Amino acid sequence: MNNISHNIRVYYEDTDSGGVVYYANYLKFAERARTEALRQAGLEQSTLMRDHDVAFVVRRCVCEFIKPAMLDDLLTVHTTLHDISRVSITMHQSIVRGDVVLFTLEVKLAVVSAQKTLAKLPDFVHKAMQVLFDER
């Protein structure tokens, strides 16, 4: 499987007083990249929730902070589909500055309904994700 890339600029609001990215913001950057990957697959989270009663929640994440990102850095978030089942999606992500890996993440997303109970991933979502990550 190939990866989807999404660029993010580090703004003042993302950093501490020393210009270093606050650790929780790496998770925000990764979330944005996953949302954009869905969008590239022709899927919008608002539409999935409204029309198909499907949402994603983080069930587990394992991350490693390797090097700091700094104010004004241009970062790239690489997202790879690792596993997809009827009730979950696991992705690997890395945040890089040029060729330097700053952060890695393995995230498992559970598929839930509006009532936040476990739900099945619709076939069209499963197929769209497979197509997106297979054709790159």
C-alpha atoms as a PDB file:
ATOM      1  CA  MET A   1       0.000   0.000   0.000  1.00  0.00           C
ATOM      2  CA  ASN A   2       1.154   3.486  -0.787  1.00  0.00           C
ATOM      3  CA  ASN A   3       0.887   6.610   1.298  1.00  0.00           C
ATOM      4  CA  ILE A   4      -1.107   9.801   1.055  1.00  0.00           C
ATOM      5  CA  SER A   5       0.773  13.015   1.817  1.00  0.00           C
ATOM      6  CA  HIS A   6      -0.588  16.220   3.321  1.00  0.00           C
ATOM      7  CA  ASN A   7       1.427  19.395   3.966  1.00  0.00           C
ATOM      8  CA  ILE A   8       1.009  21.455   7.123  1.00  0.00           C
ATOM      9  CA  ARG A   9       2.682  24.734   8.041  1.00  0.00           C
ATOM     10  CA  VAL A  10       3.560  25.268  11.714  1.00  0.00           C
ATOM     11  CA  TYR A  11       1.945  28.479  12.957  1.00  0.00           C
ATOM     12  CA  TYR A  12       2.606  30.472  16.112  1.00  0.00           C
ATOM     13  CA  GLU A  13      -0.535  29.010  17.709  1.00  0.00           C
ATOM     14  CA  ASP A  14       0.945  25.489  17.322  1.00  0.00           C
ATOM     15  CA  THR A  15       4.019  26.267  19.419  1.00  0.00           C
ATOM     16  CA  ASP A  16       5.113  26.990  22.962  1.00  0.00           C
ATOM     17  CA  SER A  17       6.945  30.174  23.942  1.00  0.00           C
ATOM     18  CA  GLY A  18      10.188  28.745  22.537  1.00  0.00           C
ATOM     19  CA  GLY A  19       8.763  28.167  19.061  1.00  0.00           C
ATOM     20  CA  VAL A  20       8.628  24.362  19.512  1.00  0.00           C
ATOM     21  CA  VAL A  21       5.456  22.528  18.461  1.00  0.00           C
ATOM     22  CA  TYR A  22       3.404  21.538  21.515  1.00  0.00           C
ATOM     23  CA  TYR A  23       3.267  17.750  21.697  1.00  0.00           C
ATOM     24  CA  ALA A  24      -0.538  17.376  21.415  1.00  0.00           C
ATOM     25  CA  ASN A  25      -0.533  19.274  18.128  1.00  0.00           C
ATOM     26  CA  TYR A  26       1.188  16.371  16.358  1.00  0.00           C
ATOM     27  CA  LEU A  27      -2.029  14.414  16.956  1.00  0.00           C
ATOM     28  CA  LYS A  28      -4.029  17.301  15.470  1.00  0.00           C
ATOM     29  CA  PHE A  29      -1.776  17.357  12.419  1.00  0.00           C
ATOM     30  CA  ALA A  30      -2.240  13.594  11.991  1.00  0.00           C
ATOM     31  CA  GLU A  31      -6.025  13.933  12.365  1.00  0.00           C
ATOM     32  CA  ARG A  32      -6.138  16.597   9.660  1.00  0.00           C
ATOM     33  CA  ALA A  33      -4.143  14.366   7.320  1.00  0.00           C
ATOM     34  CA  ARG A  34      -6.518  11.427   7.909  1.00  0.00           C
ATOM     35  CA  THR A  35      -9.503  13.688   7.204  1.00  0.00           C
ATOM     36  CA  GLU A  36      -7.876  14.883   3.978  1.00  0.00           C
ATOM     37  CA  ALA A  37      -7.132  11.278   2.970  1.00  0.00           C
ATOM     38  CA  LEU A  38     -10.837  10.491   3.370  1.00  0.00           C
ATOM     39  CA  ARG A  39     -11.654  13.564   1.304  1.00  0.00           C
ATOM     40  CA  GLN A  40      -9.293  12.358  -1.449  1.00  0.00           C
ATOM     41  CA  ALA A  41     -11.235   9.090  -1.421  1.00  0.00           C
ATOM     42  CA  GLY A  42     -14.415  11.100  -2.072  1.00  0.00           C
ATOM     43  CA  LEU A  43     -15.614  10.785   1.521  1.00  0.00           C
ATOM     44  CA  GLU A  44     -16.473  13.640   3.859  1.00  0.00           C
ATOM     45  CA  GLN A  45     -16.901  12.925   7.532  1.00  0.00           C
ATOM     46  CA  SER A  46     -19.905  15.243   7.843  1.00  0.00           C
ATOM     47  CA  THR A  47     -21.701  13.372   5.051  1.00  0.00           C
ATOM     48  CA  LEU A  48     -20.820   9.981   6.523  1.00  0.00           C
ATOM     49  CA  MET A  49     -22.275  11.049   9.881  1.00  0.00           C
ATOM     50  CA  ARG A  50     -25.380  12.745   8.494  1.00  0.00           C
ATOM     51  CA  ASP A  51     -26.341  10.366   5.690  1.00  0.00           C
ATOM     52  CA  HIS A  52     -24.869   7.023   6.775  1.00  0.00           C
ATOM     53  CA  ASP A  53     -24.719   7.210  10.609  1.00  0.00           C
ATOM     54  CA  VAL A  54     -20.988   6.428  10.546  1.00  0.00           C
ATOM     55  CA  ALA A  55     -18.180   8.136  12.435  1.00  0.00           C
ATOM     56  CA  PHE A  56     -14.650   7.259  13.495  1.00  0.00           C
ATOM     57  CA  VAL A  57     -13.217   7.426  16.999  1.00  0.00           C
ATOM     58  CA  VAL A  58      -9.644   6.791  18.056  1.00  0.00           C
ATOM     59  CA  ARG A  59      -9.493   3.471  19.885  1.00  0.00           C
ATOM     60  CA  ARG A  60      -5.741   3.255  20.269  1.00  0.00           C
ATOM     61  CA  CYS A  61      -2.707   5.257  19.285  1.00  0.00           C
ATOM     62  CA  VAL A  62       0.981   4.618  19.751  1.00  0.00           C
ATOM     63  CA  CYS A  63       3.245   7.534  18.989  1.00  0.00           C
ATOM     64  CA  GLU A  64       6.910   8.349  19.099  1.00  0.00           C
ATOM     65  CA  PHE A  65       8.280  11.875  19.314  1.00  0.00           C
ATOM     66  CA  ILE A  66      11.661  11.794  17.591  1.00  0.00           C
ATOM     67  CA  LYS A  67      12.667  15.404  16.882  1.00  0.00           C
ATOM     68  CA  PRO A  68      10.891  18.725  17.427  1.00  0.00           C
ATOM     69  CA  ALA A  69       9.093  20.708  14.763  1.00  0.00           C
ATOM     70  CA  MET A  70       9.546  24.459  14.955  1.00  0.00           C
ATOM     71  CA  LEU A  71       7.655  27.639  14.138  1.00  0.00           C
ATOM     72  CA  ASP A  72       7.277  28.185  10.363  1.00  0.00           C
ATOM     73  CA  ASP A  73       8.374  24.631   9.464  1.00  0.00           C
ATOM     74  CA  LEU A  74       6.656  23.085   6.473  1.00  0.00           C
ATOM     75  CA  LEU A  75       5.777  19.544   7.509  1.00  0.00           C
ATOM     76  CA  THR A  76       4.471  16.632   5.498  1.00  0.00           C
ATOM     77  CA  VAL A  77       2.219  14.029   7.070  1.00  0.00           C
ATOM     78  CA  HIS A  78       2.426  10.649   5.345  1.00  0.00           C
ATOM     79  CA  THR A  79      -0.517   8.332   5.941  1.00  0.00           C
ATOM     80  CA  THR A  80      -0.585   4.645   5.055  1.00  0.00           C
ATOM     81  CA  LEU A  81      -3.505   2.274   5.407  1.00  0.00           C
ATOM     82  CA  HIS A  82      -2.236  -0.667   7.449  1.00  0.00           C
ATOM     83  CA  ASP A  83      -5.423  -2.669   8.009  1.00  0.00           C
ATOM     84  CA  ILE A  84      -9.114  -2.254   7.317  1.00  0.00           C
ATOM     85  CA  SER A  85     -11.892  -4.458   8.640  1.00  0.00           C
ATOM     86  CA  ARG A  86     -15.652  -4.266   9.011  1.00  0.00           C
ATOM     87  CA  VAL A  87     -15.371  -2.324  12.285  1.00  0.00           C
ATOM     88  CA  SER A  88     -11.970  -0.613  12.329  1.00  0.00           C
ATOM     89  CA  ILE A  89      -9.232   1.047  10.321  1.00  0.00           C
ATOM     90  CA  THR A  90      -5.560   1.054  11.319  1.00  0.00           C
ATOM     91  CA  MET A  91      -3.220   3.607   9.800  1.00  0.00           C
ATOM     92  CA  HIS A  92       0.465   4.384  10.125  1.00  0.00           C
ATOM     93  CA  GLN A  93       1.472   8.021   9.945  1.00  0.00           C
ATOM     94  CA  SER A  94       4.724   9.921  10.011  1.00  0.00           C
ATOM     95  CA  ILE A  95       5.375  13.628  10.180  1.00  0.00           C
ATOM     96  CA  VAL A  96       8.513  14.742   8.395  1.00  0.00           C
ATOM     97  CA  ARG A  97      10.404  17.947   7.711  1.00  0.00           C
ATOM     98  CA  GLY A  98      12.136  17.329   4.405  1.00  0.00           C
ATOM     99  CA  ASP A  99      13.754  13.917   4.824  1.00  0.00           C
ATOM    100  CA  VAL A 100      13.836  14.045   8.626  1.00  0.00           C
ATOM    101  CA  VAL A 101      11.217  12.002  10.496  1.00  0.00           C
ATOM    102  CA  LEU A 102       9.944  13.962  13.504  1.00  0.00           C
ATOM    103  CA  PHE A 103       7.002  11.885  14.707  1.00  0.00           C
ATOM    104  CA  THR A 104       5.433   8.485  14.037  1.00  0.00           C
ATOM    105  CA  LEU A 105       1.984   7.231  14.898  1.00  0.00           C
ATOM    106  CA  GLU A 106       0.015   4.025  14.619  1.00  0.00           C
ATOM    107  CA  VAL A 107      -3.667   4.768  15.104  1.00  0.00           C
ATOM    108  CA  LYS A 108      -6.622   2.383  15.233  1.00  0.00           C
ATOM    109  CA  LEU A 109      -9.996   3.946  14.495  1.00  0.00           C
ATOM    110  CA  ALA A 110     -13.218   2.252  15.535  1.00  0.00           C
ATOM    111  CA  VAL A 111     -16.303   2.677  13.385  1.00  0.00           C
ATOM    112  CA  VAL A 112     -19.264   3.921  15.446  1.00  0.00           C
ATOM    113  CA  SER A 113     -22.827   5.125  15.008  1.00  0.00           C
ATOM    114  CA  ALA A 114     -24.192   8.470  16.199  1.00  0.00           C
ATOM    115  CA  GLN A 115     -25.009   6.743  19.500  1.00  0.00           C
ATOM    116  CA  LYS A 116     -21.267   5.876  19.770  1.00  0.00           C
ATOM    117  CA  THR A 117     -21.925   2.154  19.578  1.00  0.00           C
ATOM    118  CA  LEU A 118     -19.794  -0.084  17.384  1.00  0.00           C
ATOM    119  CA  ALA A 119     -21.002  -0.029  13.776  1.00  0.00           C
ATOM    120  CA  LYS A 120     -20.038  -1.692  10.516  1.00  0.00           C
ATOM    121  CA  LEU A 121     -17.986   0.141   7.955  1.00  0.00           C
ATOM    122  CA  PRO A 122     -20.149   0.590   4.847  1.00  0.00           C
ATOM    123  CA  ASP A 123     -18.910  -1.317   1.804  1.00  0.00           C
ATOM    124  CA  PHE A 124     -18.543   1.862  -0.261  1.00  0.00           C
ATOM    125  CA  VAL A 125     -16.214   3.371   2.385  1.00  0.00           C
ATOM    126  CA  HIS A 126     -14.145   0.195   2.564  1.00  0.00           C
ATOM    127  CA  LYS A 127     -13.818   0.127  -1.220  1.00  0.00           C
ATOM    128  CA  ALA A 128     -13.004   3.845  -1.515  1.00  0.00           C
ATOM    129  CA  MET A 129     -10.216   3.521   1.060  1.00  0.00           C
ATOM    130  CA  GLN A 130      -8.775   0.450  -0.626  1.00  0.00           C
ATOM    131  CA  VAL A 131      -8.838   2.154  -4.028  1.00  0.00           C
ATOM    132  CA  LEU A 132      -7.256   5.346  -2.685  1.00  0.00           C
ATOM    133  CA  PHE A 133      -4.343   3.635  -0.995  1.00  0.00           C
ATOM    134  CA  ASP A 134      -3.830   0.967  -3.655  1.00  0.00           C
ATOM    135  CA  GLU A 135      -3.678   3.269  -6.661  1.00  0.00           C
ATOM    136  CA  ARG A 136      -0.973   5.619  -5.411  1.00  0.00           C
END
